[in-house]
Structures are given as structure tokens and as C-alpha cells.
Amino acid sequence: MINQELKCRECSRHFPLQALAVCDYCFGPLEVTYDYGEIAKLDLKNRIEAGPRSIWRYADLLPVECETPIDLGAGFTPLVRAERLGAQLGLSDLWIKNDTLNPTGSFKDRVVSVALTAARGLGFKVAACASTGNLANSVAAHGAFAGMDSVVFIPKDLEKPKILGTAIYGANVVAIDGNYDDVNRLCTELAGEMPTWAFVNVNIRTYYAEGSKTLAFEIAEQLGWSAPDHVVVPIASGSQLTKVHKGFLEMQKVGLINEKPIRISGAQAQGCAPVANAFADGSDFIRPVKPNTIAKSLAIGNPADGWYALEVVKNTGGSIGAVSDSEIVDAIELLARTEGIFAETAGGVTIATLAKLAKESKILPDERVVALVTGHGLKTLDCVSDRVGISTTIEPRLESFLEALEKGQVKLGSASGASS
């Protein structure tokens, strides 16, 4: 195995690989570091291309060594050239990374596959998490596949499809009378009381977070081993944005792509926008907020990696936008009508922010832009249920349909003009 270790992001102390999420000296967060010089000596491109069509094709850059990972097939999702949406937004080279097609319908399958594979190697017996929905789905599914019991903790007002999409795998679903930050605090306490429980985003977070890098790996590979100019990433905890950035840097360090500036921008809902607010204020301080948005999967009012996400955006020359709930739903519909991709509310946040940043010239018309759509719309049907539905009801006769067509009850032409 290529040499790996844990390093504190604050004081730079080093630790061996273990179940440790924060530095025991300064309490800073830990991350996995790799011997990039040794990795670069491998026939890495051929090793990747010969690997499985999942995140585990990038095993040389992940923090576990395992011949049989807990793998439901997460990753290698489509990178779609979004010409029609790009035309609507004035962007000539727009791409959508469509993570709605992961096994449980969101990018969380990437992080959970890595986290539980690491957890099993470290001797944990129970899979657990604090979740706004998508993570609960994924922990329950991967836990079932691995033969592990699972216990997931969620806010009690979570969307029903996400609750059902967790319980179906046999998980214990514990609803908390509070928001996600309350849930996360409880799980942090429980992680100290349950030594055989792997809380994937608490005591196994160091490994969990590494799964997000695979988005960058795939984007570079799918673009012919090159990097985009600009990436737009939704922000919840901020971890995904920081790890996407790390993934591109790692690809450069091991010689898989050429070095070039890559701008990283973030997207939040106005009802939960602590990182966007700090960016707009020019502040380095992330002031916690109480979430109030339909984008529940991004509703983290006190984001653990918010400051690090803010620094990545600033240092790469990106931007952070915040959008209203109505803009989120409009963007969900726009993406579906133009590209045939049905996103949940987090995807609506990304696309609405993409549109806003393009309009403000913070994304340039000729940049190669990739927007991350991280979850499937079937998870958040309530947000669009009063906006779309049956066009008309007719009798089973040809004349009845022709009459409806003549009256405009069946509308044609929207495929050539998505805004109509």
C-alpha cells in the first residue's frame, strides 16, 4: 500500500491511519495525505481505465486498501454536455455531472462506500450517521449490502420519500425533534458512547470526506484527462466543495492532468446561506443560521467545513451565490425541460446559482463549466407537485383529443424553447 497518514489541517501534526477525526493536540480537523511521488510512479492512467466502472477505479487515491470494498456501484455517473441549458444561460461550454444516477440517487453513495469500507477495516460493527436524508438512504443501503446493522438519525420534518428510502433497507430510523445541527450534536455525543458504531460523518468523517474527490477524478477522466475552467458545487457542510478542489489538485500532482487554474464556486439556498453570507460580506467568519428552506439536503446552519470551503472559493477566484426557494423550483423545472435531468432541491440550488452567477458575469460565457447535480428529484417531489401535473383529461376518442389540441390544452413547441 502506498504510504498514507492523517494530517491536521491546522497545526500540520501527523497521525497514523486510525478512527480519528480531529487532532488531539489542537482539535483541528484531520485529512488523509498520500505519497504522491510514489503514486506518480505507477502506471496510473492504465490502472484506472482497467478498473471497475465505479469510484473504486481510483483506489490508488483513496484511503483504504481492500480487494472487496463495500461497493454498490457508486460513481462513474454521466458527464452531460448541456447545450440547451447552456444556450438558455449564455454559456457555450456547459456540462452537468449527473449524480442522480448513483445507486440510492445521490452523491452520498460515493462517501459512504469509502467510509464503510474503512470502518469495516477498522473493526466497526454498526453503520450510523446524522443525515438530512440522502446520507441516511446511502448508509442504510450500504449497511444492508455489507451485512451491518444501521442506525440513522434525521430531523423529524424530513421529506417522506427520503424516510421511506432509508427504512426500506431495514435501518433503524431515529427522528429528532430539531434541525440537522441538533441531530449532528447528538451523534457527536453518541460516537463517544458507542465504540463499535461508525458514524460515517462524525468519527469516520476523515475517510468519508475522501469519497467526494472522485467527482473531480471522473470529471477529469470524462473530459479526456483535462480539467474544466470552472466548477459549481452545492454547499451543505462545505466538505464536498473542498474535496472536489483537492481531487483536481491530486490529479495534477500525480501527472494525470496538466496544471491549470480551476475556479470553484459554491451554491446555497437563501434560507440557509451561512457561507454565501460570509462571502458577500467579505468576512472570514461563518455565522451560524437557523435553516428555513425547501433545500433540506443543504440545510446545515453551522457547516463544519464552511470556512475551508470559503477559502477554496476565494483562493481560486470563484464566487458563492444564494438563491430563493422559488428560484430553486424554477431551476429544477428548467434543468428537466432542457436536459431531461430531474434534480432534487439541492440540484435546483446549483442550477439557479449557476444562472445567477452567469447573469452577473461571474461565470464567463466561454468557460468550460461543470455544475454538480447531486441528488434525484424523486426524493423531493413535494416541491414541484403543485407546479406540474396532468395537462388535460379527455374521453378515449380521437375527436376529444383533437379538440383539446385545438383549444391549446395540449401545448407543443416547448421542446424548442425551454423558457416557454
Protein backbone atom coordinates (compact mmCIF):
# COMPACT_ATOMS: atom_id res chain seq x y z
CA MET A 1 0.00 0.00 0.00
CA ILE A 2 1.24 3.49 -0.86
CA ASN A 3 2.14 5.38 2.32
CA GLN A 4 -0.83 7.27 3.76
CA GLU A 5 -1.35 9.10 7.03
CA LEU A 6 -3.57 11.65 8.71
CA LYS A 7 -2.57 15.31 8.92
CA CYS A 8 -4.13 18.14 10.90
CA ARG A 9 -5.35 20.94 8.66
CA GLU A 10 -4.49 23.49 11.36
CA CYS A 11 -1.25 22.53 13.14
CA SER A 12 0.06 20.04 10.50
CA ARG A 13 0.73 17.27 13.02
CA HIS A 14 0.78 13.77 11.53
CA PHE A 15 -1.01 10.65 12.76
CA PRO A 16 -1.19 7.06 11.51
CA LEU A 17 -4.41 5.93 9.81
CA GLN A 18 -6.97 5.32 12.58
CA ALA A 19 -10.52 6.19 13.63
CA LEU A 20 -9.68 9.80 14.43
CA ALA A 21 -11.48 12.84 13.05
CA VAL A 22 -9.83 15.71 14.94
CA CYS A 23 -6.32 16.47 16.13
CA ASP A 24 -5.82 15.53 19.79
CA TYR A 25 -3.47 18.49 20.18
CA CYS A 26 -5.31 21.49 18.65
CA PHE A 27 -8.71 19.90 17.80
CA GLY A 28 -8.33 20.84 14.15
CA PRO A 29 -9.89 18.56 11.51
CA LEU A 30 -7.76 15.78 10.06
CA GLU A 31 -7.45 14.74 6.44
CA VAL A 32 -5.72 11.90 4.65
CA THR A 33 -2.41 12.62 2.93
CA TYR A 34 -0.74 10.45 0.31
CA ASP A 35 2.74 9.88 -1.06
CA TYR A 36 2.06 11.48 -4.43
CA GLY A 37 5.60 10.85 -5.65
CA GLU A 38 5.15 7.11 -5.22
CA ILE A 39 1.67 7.18 -6.76
CA ALA A 40 3.02 9.06 -9.78
CA LYS A 41 5.42 6.17 -10.42
CA LEU A 42 2.51 3.80 -11.00
CA ASP A 43 1.04 3.20 -14.46
CA LEU A 44 -1.86 5.14 -13.03
CA LYS A 45 -3.88 6.01 -16.12
CA ASN A 46 -3.93 2.41 -17.34
CA ARG A 47 -4.71 1.14 -13.83
CA ILE A 48 -7.69 3.49 -13.66
CA GLU A 49 -9.00 2.71 -17.15
CA ALA A 50 -8.76 -1.02 -16.44
CA GLY A 51 -10.63 -0.67 -13.14
CA PRO A 52 -14.32 -1.09 -12.33
CA ARG A 53 -16.83 1.47 -13.57
CA SER A 54 -17.24 2.84 -10.07
CA ILE A 55 -15.31 5.06 -7.67
CA TRP A 56 -13.04 2.11 -6.93
CA ARG A 57 -11.23 2.56 -10.25
CA TYR A 58 -9.43 5.33 -8.30
CA ALA A 59 -8.43 3.04 -5.40
CA ASP A 60 -4.80 4.23 -5.56
CA LEU A 61 -6.00 7.68 -4.45
CA LEU A 62 -8.46 6.52 -1.77
CA PRO A 63 -7.62 5.92 1.91
CA VAL A 64 -8.25 2.17 2.08
CA GLU A 65 -6.59 -0.93 0.74
CA CYS A 66 -9.23 -3.58 0.19
CA GLU A 67 -9.82 -6.17 -2.52
CA THR A 68 -13.54 -6.30 -1.69
CA PRO A 69 -14.77 -2.79 -0.91
CA ILE A 70 -18.37 -2.16 0.10
CA ASP A 71 -19.34 -1.22 -3.43
CA LEU A 72 -22.91 -0.86 -4.72
CA GLY A 73 -21.55 0.69 -7.91
CA ALA A 74 -21.32 4.33 -6.88
CA GLY A 75 -19.64 6.68 -9.32
CA PHE A 76 -18.74 6.92 -12.97
CA THR A 77 -22.01 8.76 -13.48
CA PRO A 78 -22.62 10.66 -16.74
CA LEU A 79 -20.97 13.96 -17.55
CA VAL A 80 -23.55 15.50 -19.88
CA ARG A 81 -22.87 18.27 -22.40
CA ALA A 82 -25.74 20.65 -21.58
CA GLU A 83 -26.11 22.54 -24.85
CA ARG A 84 -29.78 23.54 -24.46
CA LEU A 85 -29.41 24.69 -20.87
CA GLY A 86 -26.19 26.45 -21.79
CA ALA A 87 -27.98 28.32 -24.57
CA GLN A 88 -30.60 29.47 -22.05
CA LEU A 89 -27.91 30.75 -19.71
CA GLY A 90 -25.47 32.15 -22.29
CA LEU A 91 -22.80 29.52 -21.60
CA SER A 92 -21.18 27.91 -24.64
CA ASP A 93 -19.42 25.00 -22.91
CA LEU A 94 -21.61 23.83 -20.03
CA TRP A 95 -21.58 20.31 -18.58
CA ILE A 96 -23.71 18.63 -15.92
CA LYS A 97 -22.21 15.97 -13.65
CA ASN A 98 -25.34 13.86 -13.15
CA ASP A 99 -25.01 12.13 -9.78
CA THR A 100 -28.76 11.44 -9.67
CA LEU A 101 -27.86 8.06 -11.20
CA ASN A 102 -25.94 6.70 -8.23
CA PRO A 103 -27.38 3.56 -6.56
CA THR A 104 -29.51 5.42 -3.99
CA GLY A 105 -29.94 8.51 -6.13
CA SER A 106 -27.31 10.87 -4.73
CA PHE A 107 -23.59 11.56 -4.50
CA LYS A 108 -23.65 10.31 -0.89
CA ASP A 109 -23.06 6.80 -2.23
CA ARG A 110 -19.51 7.88 -3.03
CA VAL A 111 -18.65 8.97 0.50
CA VAL A 112 -20.47 6.10 2.22
CA SER A 113 -18.78 3.43 0.11
CA VAL A 114 -15.39 4.76 1.20
CA ALA A 115 -16.41 5.39 4.82
CA LEU A 116 -17.92 1.98 5.49
CA THR A 117 -15.10 0.15 3.71
CA ALA A 118 -12.67 1.97 6.00
CA ALA A 119 -14.91 1.39 9.02
CA ARG A 120 -15.07 -2.35 8.41
CA GLY A 121 -11.28 -2.47 8.19
CA LEU A 122 -11.04 -0.57 11.48
CA GLY A 123 -13.31 -3.07 13.23
CA PHE A 124 -16.59 -1.17 13.49
CA LYS A 125 -19.80 -3.21 13.56
CA VAL A 126 -22.69 -0.76 13.18
CA ALA A 127 -23.19 1.84 10.43
CA ALA A 128 -24.62 5.15 11.63
CA CYS A 129 -24.95 8.80 10.64
CA ALA A 130 -26.54 12.17 11.17
CA SER A 131 -28.42 12.99 8.00
CA THR A 132 -30.62 15.41 6.11
CA GLY A 133 -31.88 12.45 4.07
CA ASN A 134 -29.59 11.38 1.26
CA LEU A 135 -26.87 10.15 3.59
CA ALA A 136 -29.41 8.11 5.55
CA ASN A 137 -30.53 6.41 2.31
CA SER A 138 -26.96 5.54 1.42
CA VAL A 139 -25.84 4.35 4.87
CA ALA A 140 -28.89 2.09 5.10
CA ALA A 141 -28.31 0.60 1.63
CA HIS A 142 -24.57 0.06 2.03
CA GLY A 143 -25.06 -1.27 5.54
CA ALA A 144 -27.55 -3.83 4.23
CA PHE A 145 -25.18 -4.84 1.45
CA ALA A 146 -22.33 -5.25 3.95
CA GLY A 147 -24.43 -7.16 6.49
CA MET A 148 -24.07 -4.38 9.07
CA ASP A 149 -26.81 -3.09 11.34
CA SER A 150 -27.53 0.57 10.70
CA VAL A 151 -28.94 3.38 12.83
CA VAL A 152 -29.59 6.75 11.22
CA PHE A 153 -30.62 9.99 12.89
CA ILE A 154 -32.67 12.58 10.98
CA PRO A 155 -34.67 15.77 11.64
CA LYS A 156 -38.31 14.80 12.14
CA ASP A 157 -39.54 17.08 9.31
CA LEU A 158 -37.56 15.28 6.61
CA GLU A 159 -39.21 14.61 3.24
CA LYS A 160 -41.23 11.38 3.34
CA PRO A 161 -39.58 9.81 0.26
CA LYS A 162 -36.20 10.06 2.00
CA ILE A 163 -37.56 8.42 5.14
CA LEU A 164 -39.08 5.58 3.12
CA GLY A 165 -35.89 5.31 1.06
CA THR A 166 -34.00 4.63 4.28
CA ALA A 167 -36.41 2.39 6.16
CA ILE A 168 -36.83 0.03 3.19
CA TYR A 169 -33.29 -1.29 3.77
CA GLY A 170 -34.11 -2.31 7.33
CA ALA A 171 -32.35 0.59 9.00
CA ASN A 172 -33.32 1.94 12.41
CA VAL A 173 -34.59 5.45 11.65
CA VAL A 174 -34.48 7.78 14.65
CA ALA A 175 -36.25 11.12 14.14
CA ILE A 176 -35.06 14.07 16.24
CA ASP A 177 -37.26 16.97 17.29
CA GLY A 178 -34.84 19.59 15.96
CA ASN A 179 -32.84 20.62 12.90
CA TYR A 180 -29.77 18.95 11.40
CA ASP A 181 -27.37 20.77 13.69
CA ASP A 182 -29.23 19.33 16.70
CA VAL A 183 -29.03 15.87 15.12
CA ASN A 184 -25.32 16.23 14.48
CA ARG A 185 -24.60 17.33 18.05
CA LEU A 186 -26.39 14.26 19.39
CA CYS A 187 -24.47 11.94 17.07
CA THR A 188 -21.18 13.51 18.14
CA GLU A 189 -22.06 12.66 21.74
CA LEU A 190 -23.18 9.15 20.81
CA ALA A 191 -19.97 8.45 18.90
CA GLY A 192 -18.12 8.68 22.20
CA GLU A 193 -20.55 6.29 23.87
CA MET A 194 -20.79 3.63 21.16
CA PRO A 195 -17.23 2.41 20.43
CA THR A 196 -18.29 -0.10 17.75
CA TRP A 197 -20.53 2.33 15.86
CA ALA A 198 -19.15 4.01 12.74
CA PHE A 199 -20.85 7.40 12.46
CA VAL A 200 -19.69 8.00 8.91
CA ASN A 201 -19.81 11.79 9.11
CA VAL A 202 -18.52 12.02 12.69
CA ASN A 203 -15.84 9.58 13.89
CA ILE A 204 -15.17 8.21 10.36
CA ARG A 205 -15.51 11.64 8.69
CA THR A 206 -11.84 11.78 7.70
CA TYR A 207 -12.33 8.80 5.37
CA TYR A 208 -15.90 9.64 4.40
CA ALA A 209 -14.90 13.04 3.03
CA GLU A 210 -12.35 11.49 0.66
CA GLY A 211 -15.14 9.92 -1.40
CA SER A 212 -16.12 13.34 -2.76
CA LYS A 213 -12.76 13.61 -4.55
CA THR A 214 -13.96 11.00 -7.02
CA LEU A 215 -16.23 13.61 -8.59
CA ALA A 216 -13.14 15.55 -9.67
CA PHE A 217 -11.37 12.37 -10.79
CA GLU A 218 -14.29 11.38 -13.01
CA ILE A 219 -14.81 14.84 -14.45
CA ALA A 220 -11.15 15.00 -15.50
CA GLU A 221 -11.23 11.50 -16.98
CA GLN A 222 -14.52 12.11 -18.80
CA LEU A 223 -13.14 15.33 -20.28
CA GLY A 224 -10.27 13.36 -21.82
CA TRP A 225 -7.86 13.76 -18.92
CA SER A 226 -8.22 17.51 -18.67
CA ALA A 227 -9.73 19.88 -16.13
CA PRO A 228 -12.62 22.30 -16.62
CA ASP A 229 -12.21 26.03 -16.13
CA HIS A 230 -14.94 26.40 -13.54
CA VAL A 231 -16.94 24.05 -11.27
CA VAL A 232 -20.14 24.94 -9.40
CA VAL A 233 -20.72 22.90 -6.23
CA PRO A 234 -23.62 22.97 -3.74
CA ILE A 235 -22.61 23.76 -0.17
CA ALA A 236 -24.06 21.98 2.87
CA SER A 237 -21.23 21.18 5.30
CA GLY A 238 -18.72 22.51 2.75
CA SER A 239 -16.82 19.22 2.64
CA GLN A 240 -17.79 18.30 -0.92
CA LEU A 241 -16.52 21.59 -2.32
CA THR A 242 -13.17 21.33 -0.54
CA LYS A 243 -12.66 17.73 -1.62
CA VAL A 244 -13.57 18.39 -5.26
CA HIS A 245 -10.84 21.02 -5.21
CA LYS A 246 -8.45 18.57 -3.55
CA GLY A 247 -9.28 15.95 -6.18
CA PHE A 248 -8.24 18.20 -9.06
CA LEU A 249 -5.03 19.14 -7.25
CA GLU A 250 -4.23 15.48 -6.71
CA MET A 251 -4.77 14.71 -10.39
CA GLN A 252 -2.22 17.40 -11.18
CA LYS A 253 0.26 16.18 -8.55
CA VAL A 254 0.33 12.62 -9.93
CA GLY A 255 0.55 13.80 -13.54
CA LEU A 256 -2.88 12.73 -14.79
CA ILE A 257 -3.85 16.24 -15.90
CA ASN A 258 -1.89 19.38 -16.71
CA GLU A 259 -1.64 22.10 -14.11
CA LYS A 260 -4.07 24.96 -14.71
CA PRO A 261 -6.22 27.31 -12.63
CA ILE A 262 -9.64 25.85 -11.81
CA ARG A 263 -12.21 28.21 -10.37
CA ILE A 264 -14.53 26.70 -7.76
CA SER A 265 -17.85 28.38 -6.96
CA GLY A 266 -20.43 27.48 -4.33
CA ALA A 267 -24.23 27.40 -4.23
CA GLN A 268 -26.56 27.80 -1.25
CA ALA A 269 -30.23 28.44 -0.58
CA GLN A 270 -31.05 31.86 0.84
CA GLY A 271 -32.84 30.14 3.72
CA CYS A 272 -29.57 28.52 4.80
CA ALA A 273 -26.66 30.51 3.43
CA PRO A 274 -24.01 30.98 6.13
CA VAL A 275 -21.09 30.54 3.72
CA ALA A 276 -22.64 32.67 0.98
CA ASN A 277 -23.37 35.39 3.55
CA ALA A 278 -19.74 35.42 4.70
CA PHE A 279 -18.54 35.62 1.11
CA ALA A 280 -20.89 38.51 0.33
CA ASP A 281 -19.76 40.36 3.48
CA GLY A 282 -16.07 39.79 2.77
CA SER A 283 -15.83 38.08 6.14
CA ASP A 284 -13.71 35.15 7.28
CA PHE A 285 -16.26 34.25 9.96
CA ILE A 286 -19.09 31.82 9.21
CA ARG A 287 -22.02 32.98 11.31
CA PRO A 288 -24.41 30.06 12.04
CA VAL A 289 -28.01 30.41 10.88
CA LYS A 290 -31.29 28.61 11.57
CA PRO A 291 -32.26 26.82 8.32
CA ASN A 292 -35.53 27.72 6.61
CA THR A 293 -35.54 26.37 3.06
CA ILE A 294 -37.05 23.65 0.90
CA ALA A 295 -33.48 22.51 0.13
CA LYS A 296 -33.33 20.32 3.22
CA SER A 297 -30.35 18.30 2.00
CA LEU A 298 -28.29 21.52 2.18
CA ALA A 299 -29.86 22.79 5.40
CA ILE A 300 -26.82 22.84 7.66
CA GLY A 301 -26.81 26.09 9.58
CA ASN A 302 -23.38 25.57 11.17
CA PRO A 303 -21.28 23.93 8.43
CA ALA A 304 -18.23 22.04 9.73
CA ASP A 305 -16.13 22.79 6.65
CA GLY A 306 -17.68 26.16 5.84
CA TRP A 307 -14.52 28.18 6.49
CA TYR A 308 -12.42 25.81 4.36
CA ALA A 309 -14.96 25.99 1.52
CA LEU A 310 -14.90 29.78 1.74
CA GLU A 311 -11.11 29.79 1.50
CA VAL A 312 -11.14 27.49 -1.56
CA VAL A 313 -13.59 29.76 -3.35
CA LYS A 314 -11.60 32.89 -2.54
CA ASN A 315 -8.25 31.36 -3.43
CA THR A 316 -9.44 30.01 -6.79
CA GLY A 317 -11.23 33.19 -7.86
CA GLY A 318 -14.70 31.68 -7.63
CA SER A 319 -17.90 33.05 -6.17
CA ILE A 320 -20.74 31.92 -3.91
CA GLY A 321 -24.37 32.64 -4.67
CA ALA A 322 -27.59 32.16 -2.71
CA VAL A 323 -31.00 31.64 -4.30
CA SER A 324 -34.62 31.75 -3.13
CA ASP A 325 -36.92 28.75 -2.83
CA SER A 326 -38.91 29.90 -5.87
CA GLU A 327 -35.70 30.20 -7.90
CA ILE A 328 -34.78 26.68 -6.79
CA VAL A 329 -38.04 25.20 -8.10
CA ASP A 330 -37.79 27.20 -11.34
CA ALA A 331 -34.29 25.79 -11.85
CA ILE A 332 -35.44 22.22 -11.21
CA GLU A 333 -38.02 22.65 -13.97
CA LEU A 334 -35.55 24.36 -16.31
CA LEU A 335 -32.99 21.56 -15.99
CA ALA A 336 -35.66 18.90 -16.53
CA ARG A 337 -37.10 20.64 -19.61
CA THR A 338 -33.77 21.36 -21.25
CA GLU A 339 -31.62 18.32 -20.39
CA GLY A 340 -34.02 15.61 -19.20
CA ILE A 341 -32.44 15.52 -15.73
CA PHE A 342 -34.78 15.61 -12.73
CA ALA A 343 -32.88 17.02 -9.76
CA GLU A 344 -33.85 17.31 -6.14
CA THR A 345 -33.85 20.71 -4.46
CA ALA A 346 -30.05 20.70 -3.97
CA GLY A 347 -29.68 20.40 -7.74
CA GLY A 348 -32.11 23.29 -8.12
CA VAL A 349 -29.84 25.33 -5.86
CA THR A 350 -26.84 24.55 -8.08
CA ILE A 351 -28.60 25.37 -11.35
CA ALA A 352 -30.27 28.52 -10.01
CA THR A 353 -26.92 29.72 -8.67
CA LEU A 354 -25.25 28.83 -11.97
CA ALA A 355 -27.82 31.01 -13.75
CA LYS A 356 -27.34 33.87 -11.29
CA LEU A 357 -23.54 33.81 -11.50
CA ALA A 358 -23.69 33.67 -15.31
CA LYS A 359 -26.04 36.66 -15.40
CA GLU A 360 -23.68 38.58 -13.13
CA SER A 361 -20.70 37.65 -15.38
CA LYS A 362 -19.08 35.77 -12.50
CA ILE A 363 -19.12 32.77 -14.82
CA LEU A 364 -17.81 33.72 -18.25
CA PRO A 365 -19.65 32.74 -21.44
CA ASP A 366 -16.74 30.79 -22.97
CA GLU A 367 -15.55 28.99 -19.82
CA ARG A 368 -15.76 25.21 -19.69
CA VAL A 369 -18.14 24.94 -16.74
CA VAL A 370 -19.24 21.83 -14.84
CA ALA A 371 -22.24 22.04 -12.50
CA LEU A 372 -22.75 19.27 -9.95
CA VAL A 373 -26.27 17.86 -9.69
CA THR A 374 -26.06 15.69 -6.63
CA GLY A 375 -29.47 14.09 -6.00
CA HIS A 376 -32.55 12.77 -7.80
CA GLY A 377 -35.81 14.71 -7.95
CA LEU A 378 -37.89 11.72 -6.88
CA LYS A 379 -36.57 12.42 -3.37
CA THR A 380 -38.27 15.85 -3.17
CA LEU A 381 -41.48 15.55 -5.17
CA ASP A 382 -43.44 17.84 -2.86
CA CYS A 383 -41.58 20.91 -4.06
CA VAL A 384 -42.90 20.57 -7.61
CA SER A 385 -46.19 18.75 -7.04
CA ASP A 386 -48.26 21.94 -7.32
CA ARG A 387 -46.33 23.19 -10.36
CA VAL A 388 -46.64 20.28 -12.80
CA GLY A 389 -49.18 17.56 -13.48
CA ILE A 390 -51.83 16.39 -15.94
CA SER A 391 -52.23 18.68 -18.94
CA THR A 392 -55.87 17.79 -19.56
CA THR A 393 -58.37 14.95 -19.17
CA ILE A 394 -60.25 13.72 -22.25
CA GLU A 395 -62.57 10.95 -23.33
CA PRO A 396 -60.99 7.98 -25.16
CA ARG A 397 -61.98 9.32 -28.60
CA LEU A 398 -59.91 10.85 -31.41
CA GLU A 399 -62.27 13.82 -31.62
CA SER A 400 -61.77 14.54 -27.92
CA PHE A 401 -58.00 14.71 -28.29
CA LEU A 402 -58.16 16.87 -31.44
CA GLU A 403 -60.49 19.27 -29.64
CA ALA A 404 -58.08 19.53 -26.70
CA LEU A 405 -55.22 20.16 -29.14
CA GLU A 406 -57.18 22.89 -30.91
CA LYS A 407 -58.02 24.59 -27.60
CA GLY A 408 -54.35 24.63 -26.59
CA GLN A 409 -54.86 22.21 -23.72
CA VAL A 410 -52.02 20.17 -25.25
CA LYS A 411 -49.15 22.59 -25.81
CA LEU A 412 -46.46 21.90 -28.37
CA GLY A 413 -43.28 23.82 -29.05
CA SER A 414 -41.75 23.91 -25.58
CA ALA A 415 -39.02 21.46 -26.65
CA SER A 416 -37.57 24.11 -28.95
CA GLY A 417 -37.97 26.90 -26.43
CA ALA A 418 -37.40 25.74 -22.88
CA SER A 419 -38.45 29.02 -21.34
CA SER A 420 -41.94 28.90 -22.88
